[in-house]
Amino acid sequence: MNRSYARSDRISEQIKRELAELIQSELKDPAVGMLTITEVQVTPDLLHAKIYFTSPTNDPLIMQGLDRSTGYLRAQLSKRMATRGIPQLHFVYDTSIDEGMKISQLIKDALPPQ
């Protein structure tokens, strides 16, 4: 296994855990309600991290709230993580769950009633 790959995976998992805790316990922005971080992808150079999230409300204000809180979240991550630098955070709404539900519904509709 490539060392840089393993390191980026470890950093991704740590960022995921820390952000989930920070967002739930310390983030005071009312626009950011209930959300779940589904995945974090860190580039091999550890300069950028894409944070995929879902929310039951799918409210566009959540994205704006996360964008406003990026600086605060990076500062808190730097206090919690023992790395030289913290990647730039880029939040992305994860549509895979919504798409999976649509596909499941299509399959259910295509099956004959029992």
PDB file of N, CA and C in Angstrom:
ATOM      1  N   MET A   1       0.851  -1.173   0.000  1.00  0.00           N
ATOM      2  CA  MET A   1       0.000   0.000   0.000  1.00  0.00           C
ATOM      3  C   MET A   1       0.898   1.239   0.000  1.00  0.00           C
ATOM      4  N   ASN A   2       0.521   2.209  -0.785  1.00  0.00           N
ATOM      5  CA  ASN A   2       1.263   3.461  -0.882  1.00  0.00           C
ATOM      6  C   ASN A   2       1.107   4.248   0.416  1.00  0.00           C
ATOM      7  N   ARG A   3       2.221   4.730   0.968  1.00  0.00           N
ATOM      8  CA  ARG A   3       2.178   5.445   2.256  1.00  0.00           C
ATOM      9  C   ARG A   3       1.322   6.700   2.190  1.00  0.00           C
ATOM     10  N   SER A   4       1.439   7.496   1.107  1.00  0.00           N
ATOM     11  CA  SER A   4       0.668   8.734   1.037  1.00  0.00           C
ATOM     12  C   SER A   4      -0.833   8.435   0.978  1.00  0.00           C
ATOM     13  N   TYR A   5      -1.193   7.329   0.335  1.00  0.00           N
ATOM     14  CA  TYR A   5      -2.602   6.935   0.280  1.00  0.00           C
ATOM     15  C   TYR A   5      -3.109   6.616   1.682  1.00  0.00           C
ATOM     16  N   ALA A   6      -2.352   5.840   2.421  1.00  0.00           N
ATOM     17  CA  ALA A   6      -2.763   5.474   3.770  1.00  0.00           C
ATOM     18  C   ALA A   6      -2.843   6.711   4.661  1.00  0.00           C
ATOM     19  N   ARG A   7      -1.919   7.635   4.516  1.00  0.00           N
ATOM     20  CA  ARG A   7      -1.936   8.855   5.330  1.00  0.00           C
ATOM     21  C   ARG A   7      -3.168   9.693   5.002  1.00  0.00           C
ATOM     22  N   SER A   8      -3.479   9.858   3.720  1.00  0.00           N
ATOM     23  CA  SER A   8      -4.650  10.661   3.363  1.00  0.00           C
ATOM     24  C   SER A   8      -5.933   9.999   3.862  1.00  0.00           C
ATOM     25  N   ASP A   9      -5.971   8.673   3.875  1.00  0.00           N
ATOM     26  CA  ASP A   9      -7.138   7.971   4.423  1.00  0.00           C
ATOM     27  C   ASP A   9      -7.272   8.218   5.923  1.00  0.00           C
ATOM     28  N   ARG A  10      -6.158   8.154   6.630  1.00  0.00           N
ATOM     29  CA  ARG A  10      -6.201   8.399   8.079  1.00  0.00           C
ATOM     30  C   ARG A  10      -6.627   9.833   8.374  1.00  0.00           C
ATOM     31  N   ILE A  11      -6.096  10.780   7.612  1.00  0.00           N
ATOM     32  CA  ILE A  11      -6.461  12.190   7.797  1.00  0.00           C
ATOM     33  C   ILE A  11      -7.947  12.378   7.489  1.00  0.00           C
ATOM     34  N   SER A  12      -8.433  11.745   6.421  1.00  0.00           N
ATOM     35  CA  SER A  12      -9.851  11.844   6.055  1.00  0.00           C
ATOM     36  C   SER A  12     -10.749  11.367   7.185  1.00  0.00           C
ATOM     37  N   GLU A  13     -10.428  10.214   7.744  1.00  0.00           N
ATOM     38  CA  GLU A  13     -11.245   9.660   8.826  1.00  0.00           C
ATOM     39  C   GLU A  13     -11.207  10.546  10.064  1.00  0.00           C
ATOM     40  N   GLN A  14     -10.035  11.091  10.373  1.00  0.00           N
ATOM     41  CA  GLN A  14      -9.942  11.956  11.545  1.00  0.00           C
ATOM     42  C   GLN A  14     -10.732  13.249  11.333  1.00  0.00           C
ATOM     43  N   ILE A  15     -10.634  13.827  10.138  1.00  0.00           N
ATOM     44  CA  ILE A  15     -11.400  15.039   9.838  1.00  0.00           C
ATOM     45  C   ILE A  15     -12.893  14.744   9.939  1.00  0.00           C
ATOM     46  N   LYS A  16     -13.318  13.598   9.427  1.00  0.00           N
ATOM     47  CA  LYS A  16     -14.737  13.222   9.484  1.00  0.00           C
ATOM     48  C   LYS A  16     -15.223  13.148  10.928  1.00  0.00           C
ATOM     49  N   ARG A  17     -14.463  12.465  11.786  1.00  0.00           N
ATOM     50  CA  ARG A  17     -14.850  12.338  13.199  1.00  0.00           C
ATOM     51  C   ARG A  17     -14.887  13.695  13.896  1.00  0.00           C
ATOM     52  N   GLU A  18     -13.822  14.475  13.700  1.00  0.00           N
ATOM     53  CA  GLU A  18     -13.722  15.764  14.394  1.00  0.00           C
ATOM     54  C   GLU A  18     -14.799  16.739  13.918  1.00  0.00           C
ATOM     55  N   LEU A  19     -15.030  16.803  12.604  1.00  0.00           N
ATOM     56  CA  LEU A  19     -16.054  17.719  12.088  1.00  0.00           C
ATOM     57  C   LEU A  19     -17.447  17.336  12.574  1.00  0.00           C
ATOM     58  N   ALA A  20     -17.737  16.048  12.602  1.00  0.00           N
ATOM     59  CA  ALA A  20     -19.049  15.613  13.087  1.00  0.00           C
ATOM     60  C   ALA A  20     -19.263  16.085  14.520  1.00  0.00           C
ATOM     61  N   GLU A  21     -18.252  15.940  15.341  1.00  0.00           N
ATOM     62  CA  GLU A  21     -18.361  16.383  16.732  1.00  0.00           C
ATOM     63  C   GLU A  21     -18.457  17.904  16.826  1.00  0.00           C
ATOM     64  N   LEU A  22     -17.627  18.615  16.064  1.00  0.00           N
ATOM     65  CA  LEU A  22     -17.648  20.080  16.100  1.00  0.00           C
ATOM     66  C   LEU A  22     -18.993  20.639  15.652  1.00  0.00           C
ATOM     67  N   ILE A  23     -19.520  20.106  14.568  1.00  0.00           N
ATOM     68  CA  ILE A  23     -20.780  20.621  14.027  1.00  0.00           C
ATOM     69  C   ILE A  23     -21.921  20.376  15.011  1.00  0.00           C
ATOM     70  N   GLN A  24     -21.939  19.210  15.643  1.00  0.00           N
ATOM     71  CA  GLN A  24     -23.025  18.892  16.571  1.00  0.00           C
ATOM     72  C   GLN A  24     -22.911  19.643  17.893  1.00  0.00           C
ATOM     73  N   SER A  25     -21.692  19.825  18.395  1.00  0.00           N
ATOM     74  CA  SER A  25     -21.565  20.360  19.747  1.00  0.00           C
ATOM     75  C   SER A  25     -21.174  21.830  19.818  1.00  0.00           C
ATOM     76  N   GLU A  26     -20.389  22.329  18.872  1.00  0.00           N
ATOM     77  CA  GLU A  26     -19.846  23.673  19.029  1.00  0.00           C
ATOM     78  C   GLU A  26     -20.335  24.689  18.013  1.00  0.00           C
ATOM     79  N   LEU A  27     -20.857  24.250  16.900  1.00  0.00           N
ATOM     80  CA  LEU A  27     -21.276  25.197  15.870  1.00  0.00           C
ATOM     81  C   LEU A  27     -22.610  25.820  16.265  1.00  0.00           C
ATOM     82  N   LYS A  28     -22.629  27.137  16.334  1.00  0.00           N
ATOM     83  CA  LYS A  28     -23.811  27.848  16.815  1.00  0.00           C
ATOM     84  C   LYS A  28     -24.666  28.426  15.691  1.00  0.00           C
ATOM     85  N   ASP A  29     -24.297  28.200  14.446  1.00  0.00           N
ATOM     86  CA  ASP A  29     -25.038  28.762  13.318  1.00  0.00           C
ATOM     87  C   ASP A  29     -26.399  28.074  13.205  1.00  0.00           C
ATOM     88  N   PRO A  30     -27.498  28.833  13.322  1.00  0.00           N
ATOM     89  CA  PRO A  30     -28.822  28.205  13.252  1.00  0.00           C
ATOM     90  C   PRO A  30     -29.158  27.635  11.876  1.00  0.00           C
ATOM     91  N   ALA A  31     -28.482  28.100  10.834  1.00  0.00           N
ATOM     92  CA  ALA A  31     -28.753  27.583   9.490  1.00  0.00           C
ATOM     93  C   ALA A  31     -28.278  26.141   9.352  1.00  0.00           C
ATOM     94  N   VAL A  32     -27.262  25.788  10.120  1.00  0.00           N
ATOM     95  CA  VAL A  32     -26.720  24.432  10.051  1.00  0.00           C
ATOM     96  C   VAL A  32     -27.440  23.596  11.101  1.00  0.00           C
ATOM     97  N   GLY A  33     -28.447  22.878  10.645  1.00  0.00           N
ATOM     98  CA  GLY A  33     -29.216  22.053  11.564  1.00  0.00           C
ATOM     99  C   GLY A  33     -28.663  20.645  11.597  1.00  0.00           C
ATOM    100  N   MET A  34     -29.566  19.712  11.526  1.00  0.00           N
ATOM    101  CA  MET A  34     -29.177  18.307  11.537  1.00  0.00           C
ATOM    102  C   MET A  34     -28.544  17.945  10.199  1.00  0.00           C
ATOM    103  N   LEU A  35     -27.330  17.450  10.258  1.00  0.00           N
ATOM    104  CA  LEU A  35     -26.685  16.955   9.052  1.00  0.00           C
ATOM    105  C   LEU A  35     -25.780  15.805   9.421  1.00  0.00           C
ATOM    106  N   THR A  36     -25.474  14.995   8.431  1.00  0.00           N
ATOM    107  CA  THR A  36     -24.602  13.846   8.607  1.00  0.00           C
ATOM    108  C   THR A  36     -23.470  13.948   7.606  1.00  0.00           C
ATOM    109  N   ILE A  37     -22.254  13.827   8.085  1.00  0.00           N
ATOM    110  CA  ILE A  37     -21.104  13.796   7.190  1.00  0.00           C
ATOM    111  C   ILE A  37     -20.960  12.362   6.706  1.00  0.00           C
ATOM    112  N   THR A  38     -21.077  12.178   5.391  1.00  0.00           N
ATOM    113  CA  THR A  38     -21.048  10.828   4.839  1.00  0.00           C
ATOM    114  C   THR A  38     -19.657  10.405   4.390  1.00  0.00           C
ATOM    115  N   GLU A  39     -18.851  11.357   3.953  1.00  0.00           N
ATOM    116  CA  GLU A  39     -17.517  11.010   3.457  1.00  0.00           C
ATOM    117  C   GLU A  39     -16.641  12.250   3.447  1.00  0.00           C
ATOM    118  N   VAL A  40     -15.347  12.027   3.635  1.00  0.00           N
ATOM    119  CA  VAL A  40     -14.354  13.088   3.487  1.00  0.00           C
ATOM    120  C   VAL A  40     -13.275  12.554   2.560  1.00  0.00           C
ATOM    121  N   GLN A  41     -12.992  13.306   1.507  1.00  0.00           N
ATOM    122  CA  GLN A  41     -11.930  12.946   0.568  1.00  0.00           C
ATOM    123  C   GLN A  41     -10.853  14.016   0.634  1.00  0.00           C
ATOM    124  N   VAL A  42      -9.641  13.596   0.985  1.00  0.00           N
ATOM    125  CA  VAL A  42      -8.513  14.515   1.071  1.00  0.00           C
ATOM    126  C   VAL A  42      -7.599  14.247  -0.113  1.00  0.00           C
ATOM    127  N   THR A  43      -7.128  15.324  -0.751  1.00  0.00           N
ATOM    128  CA  THR A  43      -6.200  15.170  -1.868  1.00  0.00           C
ATOM    129  C   THR A  43      -4.883  14.590  -1.352  1.00  0.00           C
ATOM    130  N   PRO A  44      -4.119  13.915  -2.216  1.00  0.00           N
ATOM    131  CA  PRO A  44      -2.854  13.319  -1.778  1.00  0.00           C
ATOM    132  C   PRO A  44      -1.864  14.326  -1.184  1.00  0.00           C
ATOM    133  N   ASP A  45      -1.926  15.587  -1.640  1.00  0.00           N
ATOM    134  CA  ASP A  45      -1.017  16.596  -1.078  1.00  0.00           C
ATOM    135  C   ASP A  45      -1.551  17.200   0.219  1.00  0.00           C
ATOM    136  N   LEU A  46      -2.720  16.744   0.669  1.00  0.00           N
ATOM    137  CA  LEU A  46      -3.352  17.157   1.926  1.00  0.00           C
ATOM    138  C   LEU A  46      -3.685  18.648   1.979  1.00  0.00           C
ATOM    139  N   LEU A  47      -3.886  19.268   0.822  1.00  0.00           N
ATOM    140  CA  LEU A  47      -4.196  20.699   0.792  1.00  0.00           C
ATOM    141  C   LEU A  47      -5.690  20.985   0.720  1.00  0.00           C
ATOM    142  N   HIS A  48      -6.469  20.035   0.230  1.00  0.00           N
ATOM    143  CA  HIS A  48      -7.909  20.242   0.071  1.00  0.00           C
ATOM    144  C   HIS A  48      -8.667  19.015   0.568  1.00  0.00           C
ATOM    145  N   ALA A  49      -9.826  19.272   1.155  1.00  0.00           N
ATOM    146  CA  ALA A  49     -10.695  18.184   1.616  1.00  0.00           C
ATOM    147  C   ALA A  49     -12.118  18.474   1.175  1.00  0.00           C
ATOM    148  N   LYS A  50     -12.714  17.500   0.487  1.00  0.00           N
ATOM    149  CA  LYS A  50     -14.133  17.589   0.132  1.00  0.00           C
ATOM    150  C   LYS A  50     -14.910  16.866   1.214  1.00  0.00           C
ATOM    151  N   ILE A  51     -15.843  17.585   1.826  1.00  0.00           N
ATOM    152  CA  ILE A  51     -16.662  17.012   2.874  1.00  0.00           C
ATOM    153  C   ILE A  51     -18.065  16.825   2.319  1.00  0.00           C
ATOM    154  N   TYR A  52     -18.473  15.571   2.157  1.00  0.00           N
ATOM    155  CA  TYR A  52     -19.800  15.248   1.650  1.00  0.00           C
ATOM    156  C   TYR A  52     -20.746  15.095   2.836  1.00  0.00           C
ATOM    157  N   PHE A  53     -21.927  15.708   2.733  1.00  0.00           N
ATOM    158  CA  PHE A  53     -22.891  15.648   3.825  1.00  0.00           C
ATOM    159  C   PHE A  53     -24.298  15.469   3.275  1.00  0.00           C
ATOM    160  N   THR A  54     -25.170  14.971   4.134  1.00  0.00           N
ATOM    161  CA  THR A  54     -26.592  14.875   3.815  1.00  0.00           C
ATOM    162  C   THR A  54     -27.374  15.533   4.941  1.00  0.00           C
ATOM    163  N   SER A  55     -28.594  15.896   4.613  1.00  0.00           N
ATOM    164  CA  SER A  55     -29.479  16.507   5.594  1.00  0.00           C
ATOM    165  C   SER A  55     -30.906  16.089   5.271  1.00  0.00           C
ATOM    166  N   PRO A  56     -31.708  15.824   6.286  1.00  0.00           N
ATOM    167  CA  PRO A  56     -33.092  15.429   6.008  1.00  0.00           C
ATOM    168  C   PRO A  56     -33.899  16.540   5.345  1.00  0.00           C
ATOM    169  N   THR A  57     -33.519  17.798   5.581  1.00  0.00           N
ATOM    170  CA  THR A  57     -34.288  18.908   5.027  1.00  0.00           C
ATOM    171  C   THR A  57     -33.803  19.336   3.651  1.00  0.00           C
ATOM    172  N   ASN A  58     -32.555  19.032   3.285  1.00  0.00           N
ATOM    173  CA  ASN A  58     -31.973  19.437   2.000  1.00  0.00           C
ATOM    174  C   ASN A  58     -32.139  20.944   1.779  1.00  0.00           C
ATOM    175  N   ASP A  59     -31.923  21.723   2.819  1.00  0.00           N
ATOM    176  CA  ASP A  59     -32.090  23.172   2.796  1.00  0.00           C
ATOM    177  C   ASP A  59     -30.818  23.836   2.261  1.00  0.00           C
ATOM    178  N   PRO A  60     -30.931  24.713   1.242  1.00  0.00           N
ATOM    179  CA  PRO A  60     -29.735  25.387   0.718  1.00  0.00           C
ATOM    180  C   PRO A  60     -29.070  26.303   1.745  1.00  0.00           C
ATOM    181  N   LEU A  61     -29.798  26.698   2.780  1.00  0.00           N
ATOM    182  CA  LEU A  61     -29.196  27.534   3.823  1.00  0.00           C
ATOM    183  C   LEU A  61     -28.123  26.784   4.607  1.00  0.00           C
ATOM    184  N   ILE A  62     -28.212  25.458   4.636  1.00  0.00           N
ATOM    185  CA  ILE A  62     -27.199  24.662   5.327  1.00  0.00           C
ATOM    186  C   ILE A  62     -25.845  24.858   4.660  1.00  0.00           C
ATOM    187  N   MET A  63     -25.825  24.822   3.327  1.00  0.00           N
ATOM    188  CA  MET A  63     -24.572  25.016   2.597  1.00  0.00           C
ATOM    189  C   MET A  63     -24.003  26.405   2.884  1.00  0.00           C
ATOM    190  N   GLN A  64     -24.856  27.416   2.903  1.00  0.00           N
ATOM    191  CA  GLN A  64     -24.390  28.769   3.198  1.00  0.00           C
ATOM    192  C   GLN A  64     -23.840  28.853   4.616  1.00  0.00           C
ATOM    193  N   GLY A  65     -24.500  28.217   5.558  1.00  0.00           N
ATOM    194  CA  GLY A  65     -24.024  28.205   6.939  1.00  0.00           C
ATOM    195  C   GLY A  65     -22.688  27.504   7.071  1.00  0.00           C
ATOM    196  N   LEU A  66     -22.526  26.389   6.369  1.00  0.00           N
ATOM    197  CA  LEU A  66     -21.245  25.679   6.403  1.00  0.00           C
ATOM    198  C   LEU A  66     -20.141  26.519   5.777  1.00  0.00           C
ATOM    199  N   ASP A  67     -20.452  27.180   4.665  1.00  0.00           N
ATOM    200  CA  ASP A  67     -19.453  28.036   4.026  1.00  0.00           C
ATOM    201  C   ASP A  67     -19.035  29.176   4.953  1.00  0.00           C
ATOM    202  N   ARG A  68     -19.996  29.751   5.681  1.00  0.00           N
ATOM    203  CA  ARG A  68     -19.674  30.823   6.635  1.00  0.00           C
ATOM    204  C   ARG A  68     -18.810  30.309   7.779  1.00  0.00           C
ATOM    205  N   SER A  69     -18.975  29.044   8.140  1.00  0.00           N
ATOM    206  CA  SER A  69     -18.292  28.470   9.298  1.00  0.00           C
ATOM    207  C   SER A  69     -16.967  27.802   8.959  1.00  0.00           C
ATOM    208  N   THR A  70     -16.571  27.818   7.706  1.00  0.00           N
ATOM    209  CA  THR A  70     -15.365  27.099   7.290  1.00  0.00           C
ATOM    210  C   THR A  70     -14.132  27.550   8.064  1.00  0.00           C
ATOM    211  N   GLY A  71     -13.941  28.846   8.217  1.00  0.00           N
ATOM    212  CA  GLY A  71     -12.769  29.357   8.937  1.00  0.00           C
ATOM    213  C   GLY A  71     -12.744  28.889  10.379  1.00  0.00           C
ATOM    214  N   TYR A  72     -13.881  28.967  11.045  1.00  0.00           N
ATOM    215  CA  TYR A  72     -13.976  28.514  12.435  1.00  0.00           C
ATOM    216  C   TYR A  72     -13.682  27.017  12.533  1.00  0.00           C
ATOM    217  N   LEU A  73     -14.268  26.235  11.623  1.00  0.00           N
ATOM    218  CA  LEU A  73     -14.066  24.787  11.661  1.00  0.00           C
ATOM    219  C   LEU A  73     -12.605  24.423  11.418  1.00  0.00           C
ATOM    220  N   ARG A  74     -11.953  25.113  10.479  1.00  0.00           N
ATOM    221  CA  ARG A  74     -10.521  24.847  10.232  1.00  0.00           C
ATOM    222  C   ARG A  74      -9.691  25.185  11.466  1.00  0.00           C
ATOM    223  N   ALA A  75     -10.008  26.307  12.110  1.00  0.00           N
ATOM    224  CA  ALA A  75      -9.259  26.698  13.309  1.00  0.00           C
ATOM    225  C   ALA A  75      -9.422  25.656  14.415  1.00  0.00           C
ATOM    226  N   GLN A  76     -10.637  25.157  14.593  1.00  0.00           N
ATOM    227  CA  GLN A  76     -10.874  24.143  15.618  1.00  0.00           C
ATOM    228  C   GLN A  76     -10.192  22.821  15.259  1.00  0.00           C
ATOM    229  N   LEU A  77     -10.199  22.473  13.973  1.00  0.00           N
ATOM    230  CA  LEU A  77      -9.498  21.255  13.550  1.00  0.00           C
ATOM    231  C   LEU A  77      -8.005  21.365  13.824  1.00  0.00           C
ATOM    232  N   SER A  78      -7.439  22.543  13.598  1.00  0.00           N
ATOM    233  CA  SER A  78      -5.996  22.708  13.824  1.00  0.00           C
ATOM    234  C   SER A  78      -5.650  22.531  15.299  1.00  0.00           C
ATOM    235  N   LYS A  79      -6.578  22.858  16.193  1.00  0.00           N
ATOM    236  CA  LYS A  79      -6.339  22.655  17.626  1.00  0.00           C
ATOM    237  C   LYS A  79      -6.456  21.186  18.016  1.00  0.00           C
ATOM    238  N   ARG A  80      -7.289  20.440  17.297  1.00  0.00           N
ATOM    239  CA  ARG A  80      -7.560  19.050  17.660  1.00  0.00           C
ATOM    240  C   ARG A  80      -6.657  18.038  16.957  1.00  0.00           C
ATOM    241  N   MET A  81      -6.092  18.417  15.818  1.00  0.00           N
ATOM    242  CA  MET A  81      -5.326  17.458  15.023  1.00  0.00           C
ATOM    243  C   MET A  81      -3.837  17.772  15.096  1.00  0.00           C
ATOM    244  N   ALA A  82      -3.046  16.723  15.171  1.00  0.00           N
ATOM    245  CA  ALA A  82      -1.596  16.883  15.261  1.00  0.00           C
ATOM    246  C   ALA A  82      -0.973  16.784  13.869  1.00  0.00           C
ATOM    247  N   THR A  83      -1.349  17.699  12.995  1.00  0.00           N
ATOM    248  CA  THR A  83      -0.761  17.752  11.660  1.00  0.00           C
ATOM    249  C   THR A  83      -0.213  19.151  11.427  1.00  0.00           C
ATOM    250  N   ARG A  84       0.693  19.250  10.465  1.00  0.00           N
ATOM    251  CA  ARG A  84       1.308  20.548  10.176  1.00  0.00           C
ATOM    252  C   ARG A  84       0.304  21.554   9.655  1.00  0.00           C
ATOM    253  N   GLY A  85      -0.544  21.117   8.767  1.00  0.00           N
ATOM    254  CA  GLY A  85      -1.520  22.022   8.177  1.00  0.00           C
ATOM    255  C   GLY A  85      -2.873  21.353   8.078  1.00  0.00           C
ATOM    256  N   ILE A  86      -3.891  22.170   8.027  1.00  0.00           N
ATOM    257  CA  ILE A  86      -5.255  21.665   7.878  1.00  0.00           C
ATOM    258  C   ILE A  86      -5.698  21.982   6.453  1.00  0.00           C
ATOM    259  N   PRO A  87      -6.251  21.009   5.745  1.00  0.00           N
ATOM    260  CA  PRO A  87      -6.671  21.261   4.359  1.00  0.00           C
ATOM    261  C   PRO A  87      -7.784  22.307   4.273  1.00  0.00           C
ATOM    262  N   GLN A  88      -7.878  22.941   3.111  1.00  0.00           N
ATOM    263  CA  GLN A  88      -9.020  23.809   2.828  1.00  0.00           C
ATOM    264  C   GLN A  88     -10.260  22.919   2.794  1.00  0.00           C
ATOM    265  N   LEU A  89     -11.333  23.376   3.415  1.00  0.00           N
ATOM    266  CA  LEU A  89     -12.555  22.577   3.491  1.00  0.00           C
ATOM    267  C   LEU A  89     -13.529  23.008   2.406  1.00  0.00           C
ATOM    268  N   HIS A  90     -14.029  22.033   1.661  1.00  0.00           N
ATOM    269  CA  HIS A  90     -15.006  22.277   0.602  1.00  0.00           C
ATOM    270  C   HIS A  90     -16.208  21.373   0.877  1.00  0.00           C
ATOM    271  N   PHE A  91     -17.346  21.966   1.219  1.00  0.00           N
ATOM    272  CA  PHE A  91     -18.540  21.194   1.542  1.00  0.00           C
ATOM    273  C   PHE A  91     -19.354  20.925   0.283  1.00  0.00           C
ATOM    274  N   VAL A  92     -19.821  19.667   0.149  1.00  0.00           N
ATOM    275  CA  VAL A  92     -20.584  19.228  -1.017  1.00  0.00           C
ATOM    276  C   VAL A  92     -21.777  18.413  -0.517  1.00  0.00           C
ATOM    277  N   TYR A  93     -22.977  18.765  -1.008  1.00  0.00           N
ATOM    278  CA  TYR A  93     -24.151  17.974  -0.640  1.00  0.00           C
ATOM    279  C   TYR A  93     -24.067  16.617  -1.327  1.00  0.00           C
ATOM    280  N   ASP A  94     -24.221  15.550  -0.567  1.00  0.00           N
ATOM    281  CA  ASP A  94     -24.114  14.183  -1.078  1.00  0.00           C
ATOM    282  C   ASP A  94     -25.479  13.734  -1.599  1.00  0.00           C
ATOM    283  N   THR A  95     -25.574  13.595  -2.903  1.00  0.00           N
ATOM    284  CA  THR A  95     -26.845  13.211  -3.524  1.00  0.00           C
ATOM    285  C   THR A  95     -27.010  11.696  -3.644  1.00  0.00           C
ATOM    286  N   SER A  96     -26.004  10.923  -3.258  1.00  0.00           N
ATOM    287  CA  SER A  96     -26.062   9.472  -3.466  1.00  0.00           C
ATOM    288  C   SER A  96     -27.218   8.825  -2.699  1.00  0.00           C
ATOM    289  N   ILE A  97     -27.524   9.315  -1.522  1.00  0.00           N
ATOM    290  CA  ILE A  97     -28.620   8.726  -0.746  1.00  0.00           C
ATOM    291  C   ILE A  97     -29.957   9.025  -1.415  1.00  0.00           C
ATOM    292  N   ASP A  98     -30.141  10.271  -1.868  1.00  0.00           N
ATOM    293  CA  ASP A  98     -31.373  10.629  -2.577  1.00  0.00           C
ATOM    294  C   ASP A  98     -31.526   9.809  -3.854  1.00  0.00           C
ATOM    295  N   GLU A  99     -30.425   9.643  -4.594  1.00  0.00           N
ATOM    296  CA  GLU A  99     -30.470   8.862  -5.830  1.00  0.00           C
ATOM    297  C   GLU A  99     -30.779   7.399  -5.535  1.00  0.00           C
ATOM    298  N   GLY A 100     -30.211   6.866  -4.466  1.00  0.00           N
ATOM    299  CA  GLY A 100     -30.492   5.489  -4.073  1.00  0.00           C
ATOM    300  C   GLY A 100     -31.955   5.279  -3.727  1.00  0.00           C
ATOM    301  N   MET A 101     -32.540   6.264  -3.044  1.00  0.00           N
ATOM    302  CA  MET A 101     -33.962   6.166  -2.700  1.00  0.00           C
ATOM    303  C   MET A 101     -34.830   6.222  -3.953  1.00  0.00           C
ATOM    304  N   LYS A 102     -34.454   7.052  -4.930  1.00  0.00           N
ATOM    305  CA  LYS A 102     -35.212   7.132  -6.181  1.00  0.00           C
ATOM    306  C   LYS A 102     -35.143   5.814  -6.944  1.00  0.00           C
ATOM    307  N   ILE A 103     -33.953   5.226  -6.996  1.00  0.00           N
ATOM    308  CA  ILE A 103     -33.782   3.948  -7.694  1.00  0.00           C
ATOM    309  C   ILE A 103     -34.592   2.856  -6.998  1.00  0.00           C
ATOM    310  N   SER A 104     -34.554   2.835  -5.672  1.00  0.00           N
ATOM    311  CA  SER A 104     -35.338   1.846  -4.926  1.00  0.00           C
ATOM    312  C   SER A 104     -36.829   1.998  -5.212  1.00  0.00           C
ATOM    313  N   GLN A 105     -37.291   3.234  -5.290  1.00  0.00           N
ATOM    314  CA  GLN A 105     -38.703   3.478  -5.572  1.00  0.00           C
ATOM    315  C   GLN A 105     -39.060   3.034  -6.991  1.00  0.00           C
ATOM    316  N   LEU A 106     -38.169   3.295  -7.950  1.00  0.00           N
ATOM    317  CA  LEU A 106     -38.408   2.851  -9.327  1.00  0.00           C
ATOM    318  C   LEU A 106     -38.499   1.333  -9.409  1.00  0.00           C
ATOM    319  N   ILE A 107     -37.619   0.642  -8.702  1.00  0.00           N
ATOM    320  CA  ILE A 107     -37.650  -0.820  -8.692  1.00  0.00           C
ATOM    321  C   ILE A 107     -38.946  -1.306  -8.049  1.00  0.00           C
ATOM    322  N   LYS A 108     -39.308  -0.671  -6.943  1.00  0.00           N
ATOM    323  CA  LYS A 108     -40.538  -1.050  -6.248  1.00  0.00           C
ATOM    324  C   LYS A 108     -41.756  -0.836  -7.146  1.00  0.00           C
ATOM    325  N   ASP A 109     -41.779   0.275  -7.885  1.00  0.00           N
ATOM    326  CA  ASP A 109     -42.896   0.564  -8.787  1.00  0.00           C
ATOM    327  C   ASP A 109     -42.936  -0.393  -9.978  1.00  0.00           C
ATOM    328  N   ALA A 110     -41.771  -0.893 -10.407  1.00  0.00           N
ATOM    329  CA  ALA A 110     -41.710  -1.776 -11.567  1.00  0.00           C
ATOM    330  C   ALA A 110     -42.150  -3.202 -11.233  1.00  0.00           C
ATOM    331  N   LEU A 111     -42.050  -3.587  -9.977  1.00  0.00           N
ATOM    332  CA  LEU A 111     -42.445  -4.937  -9.580  1.00  0.00           C
ATOM    333  C   LEU A 111     -43.964  -5.051  -9.568  1.00  0.00           C
ATOM    334  N   PRO A 112     -44.477  -6.215  -9.959  1.00  0.00           N
ATOM    335  CA  PRO A 112     -45.939  -6.397  -9.920  1.00  0.00           C
ATOM    336  C   PRO A 112     -46.417  -6.426  -8.469  1.00  0.00           C
ATOM    337  N   PRO A 113     -47.621  -5.906  -8.233  1.00  0.00           N
ATOM    338  CA  PRO A 113     -48.150  -5.924  -6.861  1.00  0.00           C
ATOM    339  C   PRO A 113     -48.396  -7.354  -6.398  1.00  0.00           C
ATOM    340  N   GLN A 114     -48.215  -7.575  -5.127  1.00  0.00           N
ATOM    341  CA  GLN A 114     -48.385  -8.940  -4.590  1.00  0.00           C
ATOM    342  C   GLN A 114     -49.652  -9.065  -3.830  1.00  0.00           C
TER     343      GLN A 114
END
